[in-house]
């Protein structure tokens, strides 16, 4: 049976581990020591590393883990990933029979120019593109690219589990409540996330369905969201992309 476990790292990262009772794969292992402690404690063999993008808090553990386990490292075709053995892009598929895991690759640029996501087994590993009730900053790509990437992910089935790489949910909910204060789903999500964090438990995974109901960056066509974005931007916003851009700029200084 396949399990997904979070390994906390740094201040707010999650390194996700897909595992059974013998084998494991690590997604975005920025901290090798945290992963090694987990693998040694659980007596697991690491058989693959998956990277979504090149930022150091996602890749800095690659080489130490590869040295220990001689495992392949999968990463985006158009980014420099330490130790990368397999370059992936839109349409690629990775099959790990030891875990019963098959992952399809999506190109989702925006946060970085070559950012990818892995989707399979009703799960989405999306790095720093889609967060719980939020989205990543646009560093290397364009607003249009990030908006298109989020729209792509939003189109996945509602039950898809969203495994993003940071515990930002509560702060993101506070922003979302400023954007859409009358959304009852947001109040319920805030209460549930607060209970989890008070127990030092992750708010993740989320689901695509929950994100559609509460994440302002997936709700740019909702009139109330568009109106609040226009009010804050003090500008007429002519399209959902304009709304997204205004929301992302607002969130940058929230």
C-alpha atoms as a PDB file:
ATOM      1  CA  UNK A   1       0.000   0.000   0.000  1.00  0.00           C
ATOM      2  CA  UNK A   2       1.223   3.490  -0.888  1.00  0.00           C
ATOM      3  CA  UNK A   3       1.501   6.148   1.806  1.00  0.00           C
ATOM      4  CA  UNK A   4       2.422   9.834   1.520  1.00  0.00           C
ATOM      5  CA  UNK A   5       4.224  11.325   4.511  1.00  0.00           C
ATOM      6  CA  UNK A   6       5.484  14.879   5.142  1.00  0.00           C
ATOM      7  CA  UNK A   7       8.969  15.568   6.446  1.00  0.00           C
ATOM      8  CA  UNK A   8       9.140  19.105   7.875  1.00  0.00           C
ATOM      9  CA  UNK A   9      12.258  21.017   6.836  1.00  0.00           C
ATOM     10  CA  UNK A  10      13.646  24.510   7.372  1.00  0.00           C
ATOM     11  CA  UNK A  11      11.010  26.967   8.611  1.00  0.00           C
ATOM     12  CA  UNK A  12       7.967  25.889   6.631  1.00  0.00           C
ATOM     13  CA  UNK A  13       8.917  23.375   3.909  1.00  0.00           C
ATOM     14  CA  UNK A  14       7.439  19.937   3.478  1.00  0.00           C
ATOM     15  CA  UNK A  15       9.468  17.224   1.784  1.00  0.00           C
ATOM     16  CA  UNK A  16       6.874  14.674   0.704  1.00  0.00           C
ATOM     17  CA  UNK A  17       7.788  11.000   0.791  1.00  0.00           C
ATOM     18  CA  UNK A  18       5.824   8.444  -1.200  1.00  0.00           C
ATOM     19  CA  UNK A  19       6.456   5.082   0.433  1.00  0.00           C
ATOM     20  CA  UNK A  20       5.381   1.579   1.226  1.00  0.00           C
ATOM     21  CA  UNK A  21       6.974  -0.726   3.772  1.00  0.00           C
ATOM     22  CA  UNK A  22      10.211  -1.126   1.826  1.00  0.00           C
ATOM     23  CA  UNK A  23      10.757   1.648  -0.699  1.00  0.00           C
ATOM     24  CA  UNK A  24      10.424   5.420  -0.825  1.00  0.00           C
ATOM     25  CA  UNK A  25      10.600   8.342  -3.238  1.00  0.00           C
ATOM     26  CA  UNK A  26      11.278  11.908  -2.081  1.00  0.00           C
ATOM     27  CA  UNK A  27       9.734  14.997  -3.630  1.00  0.00           C
ATOM     28  CA  UNK A  28      11.757  18.234  -3.431  1.00  0.00           C
ATOM     29  CA  UNK A  29      14.294  17.134  -0.791  1.00  0.00           C
ATOM     30  CA  UNK A  30      15.959  20.409   0.119  1.00  0.00           C
ATOM     31  CA  UNK A  31      17.409  18.966   3.340  1.00  0.00           C
ATOM     32  CA  UNK A  32      19.177  15.600   3.071  1.00  0.00           C
ATOM     33  CA  UNK A  33      19.614  15.143   6.822  1.00  0.00           C
ATOM     34  CA  UNK A  34      15.877  15.317   7.492  1.00  0.00           C
ATOM     35  CA  UNK A  35      15.198  12.737   4.779  1.00  0.00           C
ATOM     36  CA  UNK A  36      17.987  10.428   5.957  1.00  0.00           C
ATOM     37  CA  UNK A  37      16.729  10.537   9.521  1.00  0.00           C
ATOM     38  CA  UNK A  38      13.286   9.558   8.300  1.00  0.00           C
ATOM     39  CA  UNK A  39      14.476   6.795   5.977  1.00  0.00           C
ATOM     40  CA  UNK A  40      16.796   5.317   8.580  1.00  0.00           C
ATOM     41  CA  UNK A  41      14.106   5.421  11.234  1.00  0.00           C
ATOM     42  CA  UNK A  42      11.606   3.697   8.946  1.00  0.00           C
ATOM     43  CA  UNK A  43      14.201   1.336   7.395  1.00  0.00           C
ATOM     44  CA  UNK A  44      13.339   2.399   3.853  1.00  0.00           C
ATOM     45  CA  UNK A  45      15.340   2.373   0.628  1.00  0.00           C
ATOM     46  CA  UNK A  46      15.179   5.558  -1.446  1.00  0.00           C
ATOM     47  CA  UNK A  47      14.555   4.639  -5.084  1.00  0.00           C
ATOM     48  CA  UNK A  48      13.867   8.054  -6.658  1.00  0.00           C
ATOM     49  CA  UNK A  49      14.061  11.806  -6.149  1.00  0.00           C
ATOM     50  CA  UNK A  50      11.612  14.148  -7.845  1.00  0.00           C
ATOM     51  CA  UNK A  51      12.218  17.876  -8.178  1.00  0.00           C
ATOM     52  CA  UNK A  52       9.614  20.397  -9.299  1.00  0.00           C
ATOM     53  CA  UNK A  53      12.010  23.327  -9.775  1.00  0.00           C
ATOM     54  CA  UNK A  54      15.542  24.481  -9.094  1.00  0.00           C
ATOM     55  CA  UNK A  55      15.261  26.568  -5.906  1.00  0.00           C
ATOM     56  CA  UNK A  56      17.748  25.526  -3.246  1.00  0.00           C
ATOM     57  CA  UNK A  57      15.182  24.642  -0.588  1.00  0.00           C
ATOM     58  CA  UNK A  58      13.904  21.990  -3.014  1.00  0.00           C
ATOM     59  CA  UNK A  59      17.127  20.522  -4.421  1.00  0.00           C
ATOM     60  CA  UNK A  60      19.977  20.966  -1.939  1.00  0.00           C
ATOM     61  CA  UNK A  61      19.620  17.435  -0.549  1.00  0.00           C
ATOM     62  CA  UNK A  62      19.829  15.755  -3.945  1.00  0.00           C
ATOM     63  CA  UNK A  63      23.507  14.923  -4.145  1.00  0.00           C
ATOM     64  CA  UNK A  64      23.927  13.602  -0.606  1.00  0.00           C
ATOM     65  CA  UNK A  65      20.885  11.382  -1.009  1.00  0.00           C
ATOM     66  CA  UNK A  66      22.051  10.208  -4.438  1.00  0.00           C
ATOM     67  CA  UNK A  67      25.469   9.349  -3.035  1.00  0.00           C
ATOM     68  CA  UNK A  68      23.903   7.228  -0.312  1.00  0.00           C
ATOM     69  CA  UNK A  69      21.303   5.428  -2.436  1.00  0.00           C
ATOM     70  CA  UNK A  70      22.508   5.715  -6.075  1.00  0.00           C
ATOM     71  CA  UNK A  71      18.958   6.630  -7.032  1.00  0.00           C
ATOM     72  CA  UNK A  72      17.768   8.472 -10.143  1.00  0.00           C
ATOM     73  CA  UNK A  73      16.899  12.153  -9.900  1.00  0.00           C
ATOM     74  CA  UNK A  74      14.006  13.438 -11.986  1.00  0.00           C
ATOM     75  CA  UNK A  75      13.619  17.132 -12.704  1.00  0.00           C
ATOM     76  CA  UNK A  76      12.485  19.752 -15.188  1.00  0.00           C
ATOM     77  CA  UNK A  77      14.103  19.631 -18.590  1.00  0.00           C
ATOM     78  CA  UNK A  78      14.771  23.366 -18.741  1.00  0.00           C
ATOM     79  CA  UNK A  79      16.271  23.922 -15.291  1.00  0.00           C
ATOM     80  CA  UNK A  80      19.612  23.085 -13.713  1.00  0.00           C
ATOM     81  CA  UNK A  81      18.973  20.420 -11.055  1.00  0.00           C
ATOM     82  CA  UNK A  82      21.865  18.966  -9.013  1.00  0.00           C
ATOM     83  CA  UNK A  83      22.500  15.348  -9.970  1.00  0.00           C
ATOM     84  CA  UNK A  84      19.621  15.211 -12.453  1.00  0.00           C
ATOM     85  CA  UNK A  85      19.587  11.920 -14.352  1.00  0.00           C
ATOM     86  CA  UNK A  86      16.197  12.190 -16.078  1.00  0.00           C
ATOM     87  CA  UNK A  87      14.904  15.389 -17.700  1.00  0.00           C
ATOM     88  CA  UNK A  88      11.134  15.740 -17.773  1.00  0.00           C
ATOM     89  CA  UNK A  89       8.676  17.973 -19.591  1.00  0.00           C
ATOM     90  CA  UNK A  90       5.009  18.123 -20.541  1.00  0.00           C
ATOM     91  CA  UNK A  91       3.855  14.633 -21.500  1.00  0.00           C
ATOM     92  CA  UNK A  92       6.605  12.729 -19.708  1.00  0.00           C
ATOM     93  CA  UNK A  93       5.592   9.840 -17.477  1.00  0.00           C
ATOM     94  CA  UNK A  94       7.487   8.198 -14.625  1.00  0.00           C
ATOM     95  CA  UNK A  95       6.596   4.669 -13.519  1.00  0.00           C
ATOM     96  CA  UNK A  96       7.828   3.320 -10.183  1.00  0.00           C
ATOM     97  CA  UNK A  97       6.524  -0.259 -10.030  1.00  0.00           C
ATOM     98  CA  UNK A  98       8.083  -0.799  -6.594  1.00  0.00           C
ATOM     99  CA  UNK A  99       5.588   1.746  -5.234  1.00  0.00           C
ATOM    100  CA  UNK A 100       2.754   1.215  -7.697  1.00  0.00           C
ATOM    101  CA  UNK A 101       3.177   4.877  -8.618  1.00  0.00           C
ATOM    102  CA  UNK A 102       2.730   6.365 -12.082  1.00  0.00           C
ATOM    103  CA  UNK A 103       3.216  10.105 -12.455  1.00  0.00           C
ATOM    104  CA  UNK A 104       2.461  12.302 -15.443  1.00  0.00           C
ATOM    105  CA  UNK A 105       4.366  15.545 -15.854  1.00  0.00           C
ATOM    106  CA  UNK A 106       2.846  18.978 -16.483  1.00  0.00           C
ATOM    107  CA  UNK A 107       4.746  22.100 -17.469  1.00  0.00           C
ATOM    108  CA  UNK A 108       3.532  24.818 -15.087  1.00  0.00           C
ATOM    109  CA  UNK A 109       5.819  27.853 -15.545  1.00  0.00           C
ATOM    110  CA  UNK A 110       5.417  31.033 -13.552  1.00  0.00           C
ATOM    111  CA  UNK A 111       7.166  30.652 -10.219  1.00  0.00           C
ATOM    112  CA  UNK A 112      10.204  29.561 -12.215  1.00  0.00           C
ATOM    113  CA  UNK A 113      10.462  29.327 -15.977  1.00  0.00           C
ATOM    114  CA  UNK A 114      10.756  25.532 -16.061  1.00  0.00           C
ATOM    115  CA  UNK A 115       8.600  24.521 -13.083  1.00  0.00           C
ATOM    116  CA  UNK A 116       6.853  21.162 -13.454  1.00  0.00           C
ATOM    117  CA  UNK A 117       4.230  19.227 -11.504  1.00  0.00           C
ATOM    118  CA  UNK A 118       3.719  15.502 -11.034  1.00  0.00           C
ATOM    119  CA  UNK A 119       0.204  14.056 -11.199  1.00  0.00           C
ATOM    120  CA  UNK A 120      -0.932  10.499 -10.651  1.00  0.00           C
ATOM    121  CA  UNK A 121      -2.774   8.151  -8.292  1.00  0.00           C
ATOM    122  CA  UNK A 122      -5.239  11.042  -7.682  1.00  0.00           C
ATOM    123  CA  UNK A 123      -2.377  13.139  -6.278  1.00  0.00           C
ATOM    124  CA  UNK A 124      -0.677  16.360  -7.377  1.00  0.00           C
ATOM    125  CA  UNK A 125       2.836  17.335  -6.328  1.00  0.00           C
ATOM    126  CA  UNK A 126       2.961  20.969  -7.396  1.00  0.00           C
ATOM    127  CA  UNK A 127       5.987  22.464  -5.647  1.00  0.00           C
ATOM    128  CA  UNK A 128       5.604  26.225  -5.288  1.00  0.00           C
ATOM    129  CA  UNK A 129       2.918  26.868  -7.909  1.00  0.00           C
ATOM    130  CA  UNK A 130      -0.330  26.119  -6.080  1.00  0.00           C
ATOM    131  CA  UNK A 131      -0.424  26.479  -2.286  1.00  0.00           C
ATOM    132  CA  UNK A 132      -3.134  25.871   0.257  1.00  0.00           C
ATOM    133  CA  UNK A 133      -5.432  28.861  -0.411  1.00  0.00           C
ATOM    134  CA  UNK A 134      -2.705  30.633  -2.363  1.00  0.00           C
ATOM    135  CA  UNK A 135      -0.073  30.464  -5.075  1.00  0.00           C
ATOM    136  CA  UNK A 136       3.637  31.043  -5.467  1.00  0.00           C
ATOM    137  CA  UNK A 137       5.313  34.303  -6.323  1.00  0.00           C
ATOM    138  CA  UNK A 138       6.068  34.957  -9.957  1.00  0.00           C
ATOM    139  CA  UNK A 139       9.856  35.088 -10.069  1.00  0.00           C
ATOM    140  CA  UNK A 140      11.027  33.976 -13.514  1.00  0.00           C
ATOM    141  CA  UNK A 141       7.880  33.504 -15.546  1.00  0.00           C
ATOM    142  CA  UNK A 142       5.107  35.922 -16.398  1.00  0.00           C
ATOM    143  CA  UNK A 143       1.779  36.601 -14.765  1.00  0.00           C
ATOM    144  CA  UNK A 144       0.094  35.128 -17.827  1.00  0.00           C
ATOM    145  CA  UNK A 145       2.118  31.928 -17.488  1.00  0.00           C
ATOM    146  CA  UNK A 146       1.327  31.584 -13.796  1.00  0.00           C
ATOM    147  CA  UNK A 147      -2.358  32.219 -14.369  1.00  0.00           C
ATOM    148  CA  UNK A 148      -2.447  29.596 -17.131  1.00  0.00           C
ATOM    149  CA  UNK A 149      -0.604  27.107 -14.921  1.00  0.00           C
ATOM    150  CA  UNK A 150      -3.087  27.578 -12.096  1.00  0.00           C
ATOM    151  CA  UNK A 151      -6.005  27.253 -14.487  1.00  0.00           C
ATOM    152  CA  UNK A 152      -4.487  23.985 -15.691  1.00  0.00           C
ATOM    153  CA  UNK A 153      -4.264  22.616 -12.161  1.00  0.00           C
ATOM    154  CA  UNK A 154      -7.727  23.895 -11.266  1.00  0.00           C
ATOM    155  CA  UNK A 155      -9.115  21.748 -14.065  1.00  0.00           C
ATOM    156  CA  UNK A 156      -8.035  18.501 -12.388  1.00  0.00           C
ATOM    157  CA  UNK A 157     -10.710  16.370 -10.684  1.00  0.00           C
ATOM    158  CA  UNK A 158     -12.061  17.831  -7.441  1.00  0.00           C
ATOM    159  CA  UNK A 159     -10.866  14.880  -5.349  1.00  0.00           C
ATOM    160  CA  UNK A 160      -7.230  15.324  -6.455  1.00  0.00           C
ATOM    161  CA  UNK A 161      -5.028  15.636  -3.365  1.00  0.00           C
ATOM    162  CA  UNK A 162      -2.764  18.698  -3.476  1.00  0.00           C
ATOM    163  CA  UNK A 163       0.695  18.195  -1.979  1.00  0.00           C
ATOM    164  CA  UNK A 164       2.435  21.569  -2.133  1.00  0.00           C
ATOM    165  CA  UNK A 165       5.809  22.304  -0.619  1.00  0.00           C
ATOM    166  CA  UNK A 166       5.156  24.942   2.071  1.00  0.00           C
ATOM    167  CA  UNK A 167       2.962  25.419   5.126  1.00  0.00           C
ATOM    168  CA  UNK A 168       1.526  28.796   4.157  1.00  0.00           C
ATOM    169  CA  UNK A 169      -2.155  27.972   4.506  1.00  0.00           C
ATOM    170  CA  UNK A 170      -3.180  30.094   7.480  1.00  0.00           C
ATOM    171  CA  UNK A 171      -1.478  33.235   6.179  1.00  0.00           C
ATOM    172  CA  UNK A 172      -2.985  32.607   2.763  1.00  0.00           C
ATOM    173  CA  UNK A 173      -6.449  32.241   4.297  1.00  0.00           C
ATOM    174  CA  UNK A 174      -6.081  35.599   6.031  1.00  0.00           C
ATOM    175  CA  UNK A 175      -5.375  37.194   2.671  1.00  0.00           C
ATOM    176  CA  UNK A 176      -8.256  35.313   1.042  1.00  0.00           C
ATOM    177  CA  UNK A 177     -10.616  36.632   3.713  1.00  0.00           C
ATOM    178  CA  UNK A 178      -9.606  40.187   2.820  1.00  0.00           C
ATOM    179  CA  UNK A 179     -10.415  39.402  -0.810  1.00  0.00           C
ATOM    180  CA  UNK A 180     -13.641  37.500  -0.190  1.00  0.00           C
ATOM    181  CA  UNK A 181     -14.849  38.199   3.382  1.00  0.00           C
ATOM    182  CA  UNK A 182     -18.347  36.806   2.798  1.00  0.00           C
ATOM    183  CA  UNK A 183     -17.212  33.372   1.619  1.00  0.00           C
ATOM    184  CA  UNK A 184     -18.448  30.878   4.276  1.00  0.00           C
ATOM    185  CA  UNK A 185     -16.121  28.174   2.958  1.00  0.00           C
ATOM    186  CA  UNK A 186     -13.164  30.355   3.916  1.00  0.00           C
ATOM    187  CA  UNK A 187     -14.313  30.790   7.508  1.00  0.00           C
ATOM    188  CA  UNK A 188     -14.738  27.032   7.823  1.00  0.00           C
ATOM    189  CA  UNK A 189     -11.320  26.425   6.295  1.00  0.00           C
ATOM    190  CA  UNK A 190      -9.681  28.883   8.655  1.00  0.00           C
ATOM    191  CA  UNK A 191     -11.204  27.153  11.674  1.00  0.00           C
ATOM    192  CA  UNK A 192     -10.102  23.726  10.498  1.00  0.00           C
ATOM    193  CA  UNK A 193      -6.586  24.833   9.581  1.00  0.00           C
ATOM    194  CA  UNK A 194      -6.179  26.605  12.915  1.00  0.00           C
ATOM    195  CA  UNK A 195      -7.115  23.426  14.780  1.00  0.00           C
ATOM    196  CA  UNK A 196      -4.536  21.454  12.836  1.00  0.00           C
ATOM    197  CA  UNK A 197      -1.721  23.957  13.335  1.00  0.00           C
ATOM    198  CA  UNK A 198      -2.495  24.213  17.052  1.00  0.00           C
ATOM    199  CA  UNK A 199      -1.727  20.486  17.163  1.00  0.00           C
ATOM    200  CA  UNK A 200       1.417  21.012  15.058  1.00  0.00           C
ATOM    201  CA  UNK A 201      -0.188  19.045  12.229  1.00  0.00           C
ATOM    202  CA  UNK A 202       0.018  19.909   8.516  1.00  0.00           C
ATOM    203  CA  UNK A 203      -2.898  21.625   6.823  1.00  0.00           C
ATOM    204  CA  UNK A 204      -1.981  19.604   3.746  1.00  0.00           C
ATOM    205  CA  UNK A 205      -2.840  17.861   1.548  1.00  0.00           C
ATOM    206  CA  UNK A 206      -5.657  20.013   0.310  1.00  0.00           C
ATOM    207  CA  UNK A 207      -7.914  19.056  -2.589  1.00  0.00           C
ATOM    208  CA  UNK A 208      -8.555  20.734  -5.903  1.00  0.00           C
ATOM    209  CA  UNK A 209     -12.218  20.990  -4.917  1.00  0.00           C
ATOM    210  CA  UNK A 210     -11.407  22.885  -1.737  1.00  0.00           C
ATOM    211  CA  UNK A 211      -9.021  25.179  -3.589  1.00  0.00           C
ATOM    212  CA  UNK A 212     -11.706  26.033  -6.137  1.00  0.00           C
ATOM    213  CA  UNK A 213     -14.031  27.057  -3.311  1.00  0.00           C
ATOM    214  CA  UNK A 214     -11.555  29.073  -1.239  1.00  0.00           C
ATOM    215  CA  UNK A 215      -8.403  30.013  -3.162  1.00  0.00           C
ATOM    216  CA  UNK A 216      -8.748  33.525  -4.622  1.00  0.00           C
ATOM    217  CA  UNK A 217      -6.168  32.797  -7.313  1.00  0.00           C
ATOM    218  CA  UNK A 218      -8.461  30.086  -8.705  1.00  0.00           C
ATOM    219  CA  UNK A 219     -11.526  32.342  -8.400  1.00  0.00           C
ATOM    220  CA  UNK A 220     -10.547  35.249 -10.623  1.00  0.00           C
ATOM    221  CA  UNK A 221     -13.779  34.967 -12.641  1.00  0.00           C
ATOM    222  CA  UNK A 222     -15.959  35.241  -9.509  1.00  0.00           C
ATOM    223  CA  UNK A 223     -17.565  38.721  -9.511  1.00  0.00           C
ATOM    224  CA  UNK A 224     -16.962  39.386  -5.805  1.00  0.00           C
ATOM    225  CA  UNK A 225     -13.275  38.501  -6.160  1.00  0.00           C
ATOM    226  CA  UNK A 226     -12.883  40.612  -9.278  1.00  0.00           C
ATOM    227  CA  UNK A 227     -14.616  43.573  -7.639  1.00  0.00           C
ATOM    228  CA  UNK A 228     -12.382  43.469  -4.570  1.00  0.00           C
ATOM    229  CA  UNK A 229      -9.240  43.150  -6.687  1.00  0.00           C
ATOM    230  CA  UNK A 230     -10.298  46.165  -8.766  1.00  0.00           C
ATOM    231  CA  UNK A 231     -11.078  48.159  -5.639  1.00  0.00           C
ATOM    232  CA  UNK A 232      -7.658  47.449  -4.152  1.00  0.00           C
ATOM    233  CA  UNK A 233      -5.848  48.104  -7.438  1.00  0.00           C
ATOM    234  CA  UNK A 234      -7.900  51.259  -8.020  1.00  0.00           C
ATOM    235  CA  UNK A 235      -8.142  50.211 -11.653  1.00  0.00           C
ATOM    236  CA  UNK A 236     -10.565  48.687 -14.110  1.00  0.00           C
ATOM    237  CA  UNK A 237      -9.767  45.011 -14.593  1.00  0.00           C
ATOM    238  CA  UNK A 238     -10.916  43.675 -17.940  1.00  0.00           C
ATOM    239  CA  UNK A 239     -10.177  39.950 -17.677  1.00  0.00           C
ATOM    240  CA  UNK A 240      -9.539  37.147 -15.177  1.00  0.00           C
ATOM    241  CA  UNK A 241      -5.835  37.516 -15.992  1.00  0.00           C
ATOM    242  CA  UNK A 242      -6.019  41.175 -14.959  1.00  0.00           C
ATOM    243  CA  UNK A 243      -7.736  40.096 -11.730  1.00  0.00           C
ATOM    244  CA  UNK A 244      -5.060  37.487 -11.079  1.00  0.00           C
ATOM    245  CA  UNK A 245      -2.295  40.010 -11.677  1.00  0.00           C
ATOM    246  CA  UNK A 246      -3.877  42.504  -9.280  1.00  0.00           C
ATOM    247  CA  UNK A 247      -4.339  39.813  -6.629  1.00  0.00           C
ATOM    248  CA  UNK A 248      -0.745  38.586  -6.943  1.00  0.00           C
ATOM    249  CA  UNK A 249       0.627  42.123  -6.629  1.00  0.00           C
ATOM    250  CA  UNK A 250      -1.630  42.721  -3.604  1.00  0.00           C
ATOM    251  CA  UNK A 251      -0.515  39.458  -2.012  1.00  0.00           C
ATOM    252  CA  UNK A 252       3.162  40.365  -2.491  1.00  0.00           C
ATOM    253  CA  UNK A 253       2.807  43.172   0.056  1.00  0.00           C
ATOM    254  CA  UNK A 254       0.146  41.635   2.327  1.00  0.00           C
END
